[in-house]
PDB file of N, CA and C in Angstrom:
ATOM      1  N   MET A   1      54.281 -49.327   5.990  1.00  0.00           N
ATOM      2  CA  MET A   1      53.318 -48.857   6.931  1.00  0.00           C
ATOM      3  C   MET A   1      53.166 -47.344   6.879  1.00  0.00           C
ATOM      4  N   ALA A   2      54.024 -46.709   6.249  1.00  0.00           N
ATOM      5  CA  ALA A   2      53.905 -45.259   6.156  1.00  0.00           C
ATOM      6  C   ALA A   2      52.748 -44.873   5.244  1.00  0.00           C
ATOM      7  N   GLY A   3      52.306 -45.804   4.424  1.00  0.00           N
ATOM      8  CA  GLY A   3      51.214 -45.522   3.500  1.00  0.00           C
ATOM      9  C   GLY A   3      49.854 -45.518   4.157  1.00  0.00           C
ATOM     10  N   GLN A   4      49.680 -46.217   5.268  1.00  0.00           N
ATOM     11  CA  GLN A   4      48.382 -46.287   5.914  1.00  0.00           C
ATOM     12  C   GLN A   4      47.931 -44.949   6.509  1.00  0.00           C
ATOM     13  N   PRO A   5      48.763 -44.195   7.223  1.00  0.00           N
ATOM     14  CA  PRO A   5      48.295 -42.916   7.742  1.00  0.00           C
ATOM     15  C   PRO A   5      47.846 -41.961   6.640  1.00  0.00           C
ATOM     16  N   LYS A   6      48.450 -42.036   5.481  1.00  0.00           N
ATOM     17  CA  LYS A   6      48.050 -41.146   4.382  1.00  0.00           C
ATOM     18  C   LYS A   6      46.642 -41.470   3.905  1.00  0.00           C
ATOM     19  N   LYS A   7      46.254 -42.748   3.978  1.00  0.00           N
ATOM     20  CA  LYS A   7      44.910 -43.133   3.560  1.00  0.00           C
ATOM     21  C   LYS A   7      43.868 -42.595   4.539  1.00  0.00           C
ATOM     22  N   ARG A   8      44.201 -42.528   5.788  1.00  0.00           N
ATOM     23  CA  ARG A   8      43.247 -42.029   6.777  1.00  0.00           C
ATOM     24  C   ARG A   8      43.075 -40.512   6.664  1.00  0.00           C
ATOM     25  N   GLU A   9      44.093 -39.804   6.310  1.00  0.00           N
ATOM     26  CA  GLU A   9      43.997 -38.341   6.208  1.00  0.00           C
ATOM     27  C   GLU A   9      42.954 -37.919   5.169  1.00  0.00           C
ATOM     28  N   PRO A  10      42.934 -38.474   3.987  1.00  0.00           N
ATOM     29  CA  PRO A  10      41.869 -38.081   3.047  1.00  0.00           C
ATOM     30  C   PRO A  10      40.491 -38.429   3.574  1.00  0.00           C
ATOM     31  N   SER A  11      40.367 -39.510   4.307  1.00  0.00           N
ATOM     32  CA  SER A  11      39.079 -39.879   4.867  1.00  0.00           C
ATOM     33  C   SER A  11      38.644 -38.851   5.906  1.00  0.00           C
ATOM     34  N   LYS A  12      39.549 -38.434   6.775  1.00  0.00           N
ATOM     35  CA  LYS A  12      39.238 -37.399   7.772  1.00  0.00           C
ATOM     36  C   LYS A  12      38.919 -36.081   7.075  1.00  0.00           C
ATOM     37  N   LEU A  13      39.649 -35.806   6.018  1.00  0.00           N
ATOM     38  CA  LEU A  13      39.401 -34.577   5.260  1.00  0.00           C
ATOM     39  C   LEU A  13      38.009 -34.600   4.645  1.00  0.00           C
ATOM     40  N   ARG A  14      37.588 -35.758   4.135  1.00  0.00           N
ATOM     41  CA  ARG A  14      36.254 -35.878   3.553  1.00  0.00           C
ATOM     42  C   ARG A  14      35.166 -35.680   4.612  1.00  0.00           C
ATOM     43  N   VAL A  15      35.369 -36.231   5.789  1.00  0.00           N
ATOM     44  CA  VAL A  15      34.394 -36.065   6.867  1.00  0.00           C
ATOM     45  C   VAL A  15      34.301 -34.605   7.268  1.00  0.00           C
ATOM     46  N   LYS A  16      35.450 -33.950   7.410  1.00  0.00           N
ATOM     47  CA  LYS A  16      35.456 -32.527   7.760  1.00  0.00           C
ATOM     48  C   LYS A  16      34.783 -31.710   6.670  1.00  0.00           C
ATOM     49  N   LEU A  17      35.069 -32.017   5.436  1.00  0.00           N
ATOM     50  CA  LEU A  17      34.460 -31.302   4.305  1.00  0.00           C
ATOM     51  C   LEU A  17      32.943 -31.508   4.291  1.00  0.00           C
ATOM     52  N   ALA A  18      32.505 -32.741   4.582  1.00  0.00           N
ATOM     53  CA  ALA A  18      31.067 -33.020   4.630  1.00  0.00           C
ATOM     54  C   ALA A  18      30.403 -32.219   5.743  1.00  0.00           C
ATOM     55  N   TRP A  19      31.053 -32.153   6.924  1.00  0.00           N
ATOM     56  CA  TRP A  19      30.499 -31.376   8.034  1.00  0.00           C
ATOM     57  C   TRP A  19      30.447 -29.889   7.684  1.00  0.00           C
ATOM     58  N   VAL A  20      31.466 -29.389   7.060  1.00  0.00           N
ATOM     59  CA  VAL A  20      31.479 -27.977   6.658  1.00  0.00           C
ATOM     60  C   VAL A  20      30.358 -27.708   5.657  1.00  0.00           C
ATOM     61  N   MET A  21      30.149 -28.628   4.730  1.00  0.00           N
ATOM     62  CA  MET A  21      29.083 -28.446   3.737  1.00  0.00           C
ATOM     63  C   MET A  21      27.708 -28.486   4.408  1.00  0.00           C
ATOM     64  N   VAL A  22      27.523 -29.418   5.352  1.00  0.00           N
ATOM     65  CA  VAL A  22      26.248 -29.513   6.056  1.00  0.00           C
ATOM     66  C   VAL A  22      26.006 -28.249   6.875  1.00  0.00           C
ATOM     67  N   LEU A  23      27.012 -27.770   7.582  1.00  0.00           N
ATOM     68  CA  LEU A  23      26.870 -26.534   8.356  1.00  0.00           C
ATOM     69  C   LEU A  23      26.596 -25.346   7.438  1.00  0.00           C
ATOM     70  N   GLY A  24      27.310 -25.295   6.326  1.00  0.00           N
ATOM     71  CA  GLY A  24      27.073 -24.210   5.365  1.00  0.00           C
ATOM     72  C   GLY A  24      25.656 -24.240   4.822  1.00  0.00           C
ATOM     73  N   LEU A  25      25.172 -25.445   4.542  1.00  0.00           N
ATOM     74  CA  LEU A  25      23.805 -25.585   4.055  1.00  0.00           C
ATOM     75  C   LEU A  25      22.793 -25.149   5.116  1.00  0.00           C
ATOM     76  N   LEU A  26      23.004 -25.541   6.365  1.00  0.00           N
ATOM     77  CA  LEU A  26      22.100 -25.144   7.440  1.00  0.00           C
ATOM     78  C   LEU A  26      22.126 -23.632   7.662  1.00  0.00           C
ATOM     79  N   ILE A  27      23.295 -23.037   7.628  1.00  0.00           N
ATOM     80  CA  ILE A  27      23.403 -21.587   7.791  1.00  0.00           C
ATOM     81  C   ILE A  27      22.717 -20.873   6.633  1.00  0.00           C
ATOM     82  N   GLY A  28      22.952 -21.362   5.413  1.00  0.00           N
ATOM     83  CA  GLY A  28      22.297 -20.758   4.249  1.00  0.00           C
ATOM     84  C   GLY A  28      20.788 -20.873   4.323  1.00  0.00           C
ATOM     85  N   GLU A  29      20.302 -22.036   4.744  1.00  0.00           N
ATOM     86  CA  GLU A  29      18.865 -22.235   4.880  1.00  0.00           C
ATOM     87  C   GLU A  29      18.283 -21.323   5.956  1.00  0.00           C
ATOM     88  N   SER A  30      18.984 -21.160   7.053  1.00  0.00           N
ATOM     89  CA  SER A  30      18.519 -20.260   8.120  1.00  0.00           C
ATOM     90  C   SER A  30      18.463 -18.826   7.634  1.00  0.00           C
ATOM     91  N   LEU A  31      19.468 -18.399   6.896  1.00  0.00           N
ATOM     92  CA  LEU A  31      19.477 -17.033   6.356  1.00  0.00           C
ATOM     93  C   LEU A  31      18.339 -16.831   5.362  1.00  0.00           C
ATOM     94  N   PHE A  32      18.092 -17.819   4.520  1.00  0.00           N
ATOM     95  CA  PHE A  32      17.012 -17.714   3.540  1.00  0.00           C
ATOM     96  C   PHE A  32      15.656 -17.635   4.246  1.00  0.00           C
ATOM     97  N   TYR A  33      15.450 -18.460   5.276  1.00  0.00           N
ATOM     98  CA  TYR A  33      14.206 -18.439   6.043  1.00  0.00           C
ATOM     99  C   TYR A  33      14.011 -17.079   6.703  1.00  0.00           C
ATOM    100  N   THR A  34      15.077 -16.545   7.302  1.00  0.00           N
ATOM    101  CA  THR A  34      14.996 -15.232   7.954  1.00  0.00           C
ATOM    102  C   THR A  34      14.652 -14.147   6.942  1.00  0.00           C
ATOM    103  N   TRP A  35      15.280 -14.194   5.778  1.00  0.00           N
ATOM    104  CA  TRP A  35      15.004 -13.197   4.735  1.00  0.00           C
ATOM    105  C   TRP A  35      13.537 -13.287   4.304  1.00  0.00           C
ATOM    106  N   CYS A  36      13.030 -14.526   4.130  1.00  0.00           N
ATOM    107  CA  CYS A  36      11.622 -14.698   3.731  1.00  0.00           C
ATOM    108  C   CYS A  36      10.678 -14.120   4.785  1.00  0.00           C
ATOM    109  N   ARG A  37      10.957 -14.370   6.045  1.00  0.00           N
ATOM    110  CA  ARG A  37      10.102 -13.851   7.116  1.00  0.00           C
ATOM    111  C   ARG A  37      10.126 -12.323   7.152  1.00  0.00           C
ATOM    112  N   VAL A  38      11.302 -11.746   6.983  1.00  0.00           N
ATOM    113  CA  VAL A  38      11.416 -10.280   6.981  1.00  0.00           C
ATOM    114  C   VAL A  38      10.602  -9.705   5.826  1.00  0.00           C
ATOM    115  N   GLN A  39      10.685 -10.325   4.661  1.00  0.00           N
ATOM    116  CA  GLN A  39       9.917  -9.849   3.509  1.00  0.00           C
ATOM    117  C   GLN A  39       8.419  -9.988   3.766  1.00  0.00           C
ATOM    118  N   CYS A  40       8.015 -11.074   4.384  1.00  0.00           N
ATOM    119  CA  CYS A  40       6.595 -11.313   4.681  1.00  0.00           C
ATOM    120  C   CYS A  40       6.063 -10.264   5.658  1.00  0.00           C
ATOM    121  N   VAL A  41       6.817  -9.981   6.697  1.00  0.00           N
ATOM    122  CA  VAL A  41       6.399  -8.976   7.682  1.00  0.00           C
ATOM    123  C   VAL A  41       6.339  -7.594   7.032  1.00  0.00           C
ATOM    124  N   GLY A  42       7.337  -7.273   6.214  1.00  0.00           N
ATOM    125  CA  GLY A  42       7.333  -5.980   5.517  1.00  0.00           C
ATOM    126  C   GLY A  42       6.131  -5.842   4.601  1.00  0.00           C
ATOM    127  N   THR A  43       5.786  -6.913   3.901  1.00  0.00           N
ATOM    128  CA  THR A  43       4.613  -6.887   3.025  1.00  0.00           C
ATOM    129  C   THR A  43       3.333  -6.707   3.838  1.00  0.00           C
ATOM    130  N   GLY A  44       3.276  -7.348   4.995  1.00  0.00           N
ATOM    131  CA  GLY A  44       2.106  -7.183   5.868  1.00  0.00           C
ATOM    132  C   GLY A  44       1.947  -5.744   6.323  1.00  0.00           C
ATOM    133  N   TYR A  45       3.067  -5.103   6.691  1.00  0.00           N
ATOM    134  CA  TYR A  45       3.006  -3.690   7.094  1.00  0.00           C
ATOM    135  C   TYR A  45       2.538  -2.814   5.933  1.00  0.00           C
ATOM    136  N   THR A  46       3.025  -3.113   4.733  1.00  0.00           N
ATOM    137  CA  THR A  46       2.627  -2.332   3.558  1.00  0.00           C
ATOM    138  C   THR A  46       1.132  -2.496   3.287  1.00  0.00           C
ATOM    139  N   ILE A  47       0.623  -3.721   3.394  1.00  0.00           N
ATOM    140  CA  ILE A  47      -0.801  -3.966   3.165  1.00  0.00           C
ATOM    141  C   ILE A  47      -1.631  -3.225   4.200  1.00  0.00           C
ATOM    142  N   ASP A  48      -1.210  -3.257   5.451  1.00  0.00           N
ATOM    143  CA  ASP A  48      -1.937  -2.565   6.520  1.00  0.00           C
ATOM    144  C   ASP A  48      -1.965  -1.059   6.275  1.00  0.00           C
ATOM    145  N   ARG A  49      -0.817  -0.493   5.885  1.00  0.00           N
ATOM    146  CA  ARG A  49      -0.737   0.951   5.626  1.00  0.00           C
ATOM    147  C   ARG A  49      -1.649   1.342   4.469  1.00  0.00           C
ATOM    148  N   GLU A  50      -1.649   0.543   3.400  1.00  0.00           N
ATOM    149  CA  GLU A  50      -2.485   0.865   2.240  1.00  0.00           C
ATOM    150  C   GLU A  50      -3.968   0.677   2.559  1.00  0.00           C
ATOM    151  N   SER A  51      -4.303  -0.284   3.416  1.00  0.00           N
ATOM    152  CA  SER A  51      -5.706  -0.467   3.817  1.00  0.00           C
ATOM    153  C   SER A  51      -6.206   0.746   4.594  1.00  0.00           C
ATOM    154  N   ARG A  52      -5.362   1.247   5.507  1.00  0.00           N
ATOM    155  CA  ARG A  52      -5.759   2.448   6.257  1.00  0.00           C
ATOM    156  C   ARG A  52      -5.910   3.640   5.319  1.00  0.00           C
ATOM    157  N   LYS A  53      -5.003   3.756   4.353  1.00  0.00           N
ATOM    158  CA  LYS A  53      -5.071   4.858   3.390  1.00  0.00           C
ATOM    159  C   LYS A  53      -6.358   4.756   2.556  1.00  0.00           C
ATOM    160  N   GLN A  54      -6.724   3.530   2.165  1.00  0.00           N
ATOM    161  CA  GLN A  54      -7.951   3.332   1.400  1.00  0.00           C
ATOM    162  C   GLN A  54      -9.173   3.731   2.226  1.00  0.00           C
ATOM    163  N   GLN A  55      -9.182   3.371   3.496  1.00  0.00           N
ATOM    164  CA  GLN A  55     -10.304   3.734   4.367  1.00  0.00           C
ATOM    165  C   GLN A  55     -10.419   5.254   4.504  1.00  0.00           C
ATOM    166  N   GLU A  56      -9.282   5.931   4.655  1.00  0.00           N
ATOM    167  CA  GLU A  56      -9.303   7.399   4.742  1.00  0.00           C
ATOM    168  C   GLU A  56      -9.836   8.012   3.455  1.00  0.00           C
ATOM    169  N   LEU A  57      -9.434   7.457   2.316  1.00  0.00           N
ATOM    170  CA  LEU A  57      -9.904   7.987   1.036  1.00  0.00           C
ATOM    171  C   LEU A  57     -11.402   7.745   0.850  1.00  0.00           C
ATOM    172  N   LYS A  58     -11.901   6.598   1.318  1.00  0.00           N
ATOM    173  CA  LYS A  58     -13.348   6.353   1.234  1.00  0.00           C
ATOM    174  C   LYS A  58     -14.119   7.349   2.090  1.00  0.00           C
ATOM    175  N   THR A  59     -13.595   7.636   3.281  1.00  0.00           N
ATOM    176  CA  THR A  59     -14.237   8.610   4.157  1.00  0.00           C
ATOM    177  C   THR A  59     -14.250   9.990   3.499  1.00  0.00           C
ATOM    178  N   LEU A  60     -13.128  10.363   2.913  1.00  0.00           N
ATOM    179  CA  LEU A  60     -13.049  11.648   2.219  1.00  0.00           C
ATOM    180  C   LEU A  60     -14.024  11.694   1.042  1.00  0.00           C
ATOM    181  N   GLN A  61     -14.123  10.606   0.295  1.00  0.00           N
ATOM    182  CA  GLN A  61     -15.044  10.560  -0.841  1.00  0.00           C
ATOM    183  C   GLN A  61     -16.491  10.727  -0.375  1.00  0.00           C
ATOM    184  N   ASN A  62     -16.851  10.073   0.714  1.00  0.00           N
ATOM    185  CA  ASN A  62     -18.217  10.207   1.229  1.00  0.00           C
ATOM    186  C   ASN A  62     -18.509  11.633   1.660  1.00  0.00           C
ATOM    187  N   SER A  63     -17.550  12.274   2.342  1.00  0.00           N
ATOM    188  CA  SER A  63     -17.798  13.656   2.749  1.00  0.00           C
ATOM    189  C   SER A  63     -17.882  14.591   1.544  1.00  0.00           C
ATOM    190  N   LEU A  64     -17.101  14.310   0.508  1.00  0.00           N
ATOM    191  CA  LEU A  64     -17.185  15.143  -0.694  1.00  0.00           C
ATOM    192  C   LEU A  64     -18.517  14.944  -1.420  1.00  0.00           C
ATOM    193  N   LYS A  65     -19.030  13.717  -1.409  1.00  0.00           N
ATOM    194  CA  LYS A  65     -20.347  13.483  -2.018  1.00  0.00           C
ATOM    195  C   LYS A  65     -21.434  14.250  -1.269  1.00  0.00           C
ATOM    196  N   ILE A  66     -21.346  14.248   0.045  1.00  0.00           N
ATOM    197  CA  ILE A  66     -22.323  14.979   0.860  1.00  0.00           C
ATOM    198  C   ILE A  66     -22.225  16.476   0.587  1.00  0.00           C
ATOM    199  N   GLU A  67     -21.010  16.986   0.519  1.00  0.00           N
ATOM    200  CA  GLU A  67     -20.831  18.415   0.244  1.00  0.00           C
ATOM    201  C   GLU A  67     -21.330  18.776  -1.147  1.00  0.00           C
ATOM    202  N   LEU A  68     -21.097  17.912  -2.126  1.00  0.00           N
ATOM    203  CA  LEU A  68     -21.578  18.165  -3.480  1.00  0.00           C
ATOM    204  C   LEU A  68     -23.105  18.201  -3.509  1.00  0.00           C
ATOM    205  N   ALA A  69     -23.727  17.279  -2.824  1.00  0.00           N
ATOM    206  CA  ALA A  69     -25.200  17.265  -2.775  1.00  0.00           C
ATOM    207  C   ALA A  69     -25.720  18.535  -2.106  1.00  0.00           C
ATOM    208  N   ARG A  70     -25.035  18.985  -1.055  1.00  0.00           N
ATOM    209  CA  ARG A  70     -25.454  20.208  -0.367  1.00  0.00           C
ATOM    210  C   ARG A  70     -25.296  21.416  -1.283  1.00  0.00           C
ATOM    211  N   LEU A  71     -24.196  21.460  -2.030  1.00  0.00           N
ATOM    212  CA  LEU A  71     -23.962  22.605  -2.915  1.00  0.00           C
ATOM    213  C   LEU A  71     -24.906  22.610  -4.116  1.00  0.00           C
ATOM    214  N   LYS A  72     -25.384  21.440  -4.531  1.00  0.00           N
ATOM    215  CA  LYS A  72     -26.295  21.362  -5.670  1.00  0.00           C
ATOM    216  C   LYS A  72     -27.741  21.645  -5.285  1.00  0.00           C
ATOM    217  N   ALA A  73     -28.029  21.753  -4.018  1.00  0.00           N
ATOM    218  CA  ALA A  73     -29.407  21.989  -3.564  1.00  0.00           C
ATOM    219  C   ALA A  73     -29.906  23.325  -4.126  1.00  0.00           C
ATOM    220  N   PRO A  74     -31.146  23.352  -4.632  1.00  0.00           N
ATOM    221  CA  PRO A  74     -31.683  24.580  -5.238  1.00  0.00           C
ATOM    222  C   PRO A  74     -31.691  25.767  -4.273  1.00  0.00           C
ATOM    223  N   GLU A  75     -31.966  25.523  -2.994  1.00  0.00           N
ATOM    224  CA  GLU A  75     -31.987  26.628  -2.036  1.00  0.00           C
ATOM    225  C   GLU A  75     -30.595  27.243  -1.905  1.00  0.00           C
ATOM    226  N   ASN A  76     -29.601  26.403  -1.879  1.00  0.00           N
ATOM    227  CA  ASN A  76     -28.232  26.885  -1.741  1.00  0.00           C
ATOM    228  C   ASN A  76     -27.798  27.653  -2.992  1.00  0.00           C
ATOM    229  N   LEU A  77     -28.185  27.144  -4.172  1.00  0.00           N
ATOM    230  CA  LEU A  77     -27.819  27.829  -5.416  1.00  0.00           C
ATOM    231  C   LEU A  77     -28.461  29.212  -5.497  1.00  0.00           C
ATOM    232  N   SER A  78     -29.714  29.308  -5.110  1.00  0.00           N
ATOM    233  CA  SER A  78     -30.372  30.623  -5.180  1.00  0.00           C
ATOM    234  C   SER A  78     -29.774  31.576  -4.144  1.00  0.00           C
ATOM    235  N   ARG A  79     -29.410  31.075  -2.955  1.00  0.00           N
ATOM    236  CA  ARG A  79     -28.789  31.937  -1.941  1.00  0.00           C
ATOM    237  C   ARG A  79     -27.433  32.445  -2.438  1.00  0.00           C
ATOM    238  N   ILE A  80     -26.631  31.594  -3.041  1.00  0.00           N
ATOM    239  CA  ILE A  80     -25.327  32.013  -3.563  1.00  0.00           C
ATOM    240  C   ILE A  80     -25.519  33.033  -4.689  1.00  0.00           C
ATOM    241  N   ALA A  81     -26.506  32.807  -5.550  1.00  0.00           N
ATOM    242  CA  ALA A  81     -26.776  33.744  -6.643  1.00  0.00           C
ATOM    243  C   ALA A  81     -27.158  35.111  -6.096  1.00  0.00           C
ATOM    244  N   ARG A  82     -27.983  35.169  -5.057  1.00  0.00           N
ATOM    245  CA  ARG A  82     -28.399  36.454  -4.483  1.00  0.00           C
ATOM    246  C   ARG A  82     -27.257  37.128  -3.737  1.00  0.00           C
ATOM    247  N   GLU A  83     -26.593  36.395  -2.845  1.00  0.00           N
ATOM    248  CA  GLU A  83     -25.626  37.007  -1.943  1.00  0.00           C
ATOM    249  C   GLU A  83     -24.262  37.266  -2.605  1.00  0.00           C
ATOM    250  N   LYS A  84     -23.725  36.292  -3.276  1.00  0.00           N
ATOM    251  CA  LYS A  84     -22.361  36.440  -3.796  1.00  0.00           C
ATOM    252  C   LYS A  84     -22.308  37.036  -5.196  1.00  0.00           C
ATOM    253  N   LEU A  85     -23.318  36.716  -6.009  1.00  0.00           N
ATOM    254  CA  LEU A  85     -23.291  37.179  -7.392  1.00  0.00           C
ATOM    255  C   LEU A  85     -24.238  38.340  -7.652  1.00  0.00           C
ATOM    256  N   ALA A  86     -24.976  38.740  -6.649  1.00  0.00           N
ATOM    257  CA  ALA A  86     -25.927  39.863  -6.744  1.00  0.00           C
ATOM    258  C   ALA A  86     -26.918  39.663  -7.887  1.00  0.00           C
ATOM    259  N   LEU A  87     -27.412  38.446  -8.034  1.00  0.00           N
ATOM    260  CA  LEU A  87     -28.408  38.145  -9.057  1.00  0.00           C
ATOM    261  C   LEU A  87     -29.783  38.129  -8.401  1.00  0.00           C
ATOM    262  N   GLY A  88     -30.785  38.359  -9.194  1.00  0.00           N
ATOM    263  CA  GLY A  88     -32.152  38.327  -8.689  1.00  0.00           C
ATOM    264  C   GLY A  88     -33.089  37.860  -9.782  1.00  0.00           C
ATOM    265  N   MET A  89     -34.365  37.840  -9.460  1.00  0.00           N
ATOM    266  CA  MET A  89     -35.362  37.440 -10.466  1.00  0.00           C
ATOM    267  C   MET A  89     -35.460  38.560 -11.512  1.00  0.00           C
ATOM    268  N   PRO A  90     -35.585  38.192 -12.781  1.00  0.00           N
ATOM    269  CA  PRO A  90     -35.665  39.223 -13.824  1.00  0.00           C
ATOM    270  C   PRO A  90     -36.991  40.001 -13.744  1.00  0.00           C
ATOM    271  N   GLY A  91     -36.880  41.275 -14.065  1.00  0.00           N
ATOM    272  CA  GLY A  91     -38.087  42.112 -14.096  1.00  0.00           C
ATOM    273  C   GLY A  91     -38.864  41.848 -15.370  1.00  0.00           C
ATOM    274  N   ALA A  92     -40.057  42.435 -15.450  1.00  0.00           N
ATOM    275  CA  ALA A  92     -40.919  42.222 -16.620  1.00  0.00           C
ATOM    276  C   ALA A  92     -40.269  42.757 -17.890  1.00  0.00           C
ATOM    277  N   HIS A  93     -39.513  43.865 -17.783  1.00  0.00           N
ATOM    278  CA  HIS A  93     -38.878  44.442 -18.969  1.00  0.00           C
ATOM    279  C   HIS A  93     -37.648  43.638 -19.423  1.00  0.00           C
ATOM    280  N   GLN A  94     -37.159  42.702 -18.582  1.00  0.00           N
ATOM    281  CA  GLN A  94     -35.985  41.914 -18.943  1.00  0.00           C
ATOM    282  C   GLN A  94     -36.356  40.569 -19.578  1.00  0.00           C
ATOM    283  N   ILE A  95     -37.598  40.217 -19.591  1.00  0.00           N
ATOM    284  CA  ILE A  95     -38.037  38.920 -20.128  1.00  0.00           C
ATOM    285  C   ILE A  95     -38.323  39.065 -21.599  1.00  0.00           C
ATOM    286  N   ILE A  96     -37.733  38.186 -22.398  1.00  0.00           N
ATOM    287  CA  ILE A  96     -37.991  38.163 -23.835  1.00  0.00           C
ATOM    288  C   ILE A  96     -38.579  36.804 -24.159  1.00  0.00           C
ATOM    289  N   VAL A  97     -39.713  36.787 -24.779  1.00  0.00           N
ATOM    290  CA  VAL A  97     -40.379  35.549 -25.146  1.00  0.00           C
ATOM    291  C   VAL A  97     -39.901  35.172 -26.552  1.00  0.00           C
ATOM    292  N   VAL A  98     -39.419  33.969 -26.690  1.00  0.00           N
ATOM    293  CA  VAL A  98     -38.952  33.467 -27.987  1.00  0.00           C
ATOM    294  C   VAL A  98     -40.032  32.601 -28.583  1.00  0.00           C
ATOM    295  N   PRO A  99     -40.483  32.970 -29.802  1.00  0.00           N
ATOM    296  CA  PRO A  99     -41.569  32.174 -30.416  1.00  0.00           C
ATOM    297  C   PRO A  99     -41.101  30.840 -30.910  1.00  0.00           C
TER     298      PRO A  99
END
């Protein structure tokens, strides 16, 4: 009869081992799910930040296009030539006709 208790001990050990494995699996799955969610939220923040940055760059590009058009205007070019570069219309003696 001393042999019967020994048979039950391995059975109890197997049940305990199975429970430990199931708990370990559940804990591992919970950790993996949490890690995935953290990565997803972080990616969402990154996308939002880059979208705002893109919008700011588009706004800057539009203002630069407007400024470029203003600077290319003939009236503005002639004013800059007169005021900053001290240029003027050529006199009659400065004109050379090329045949």
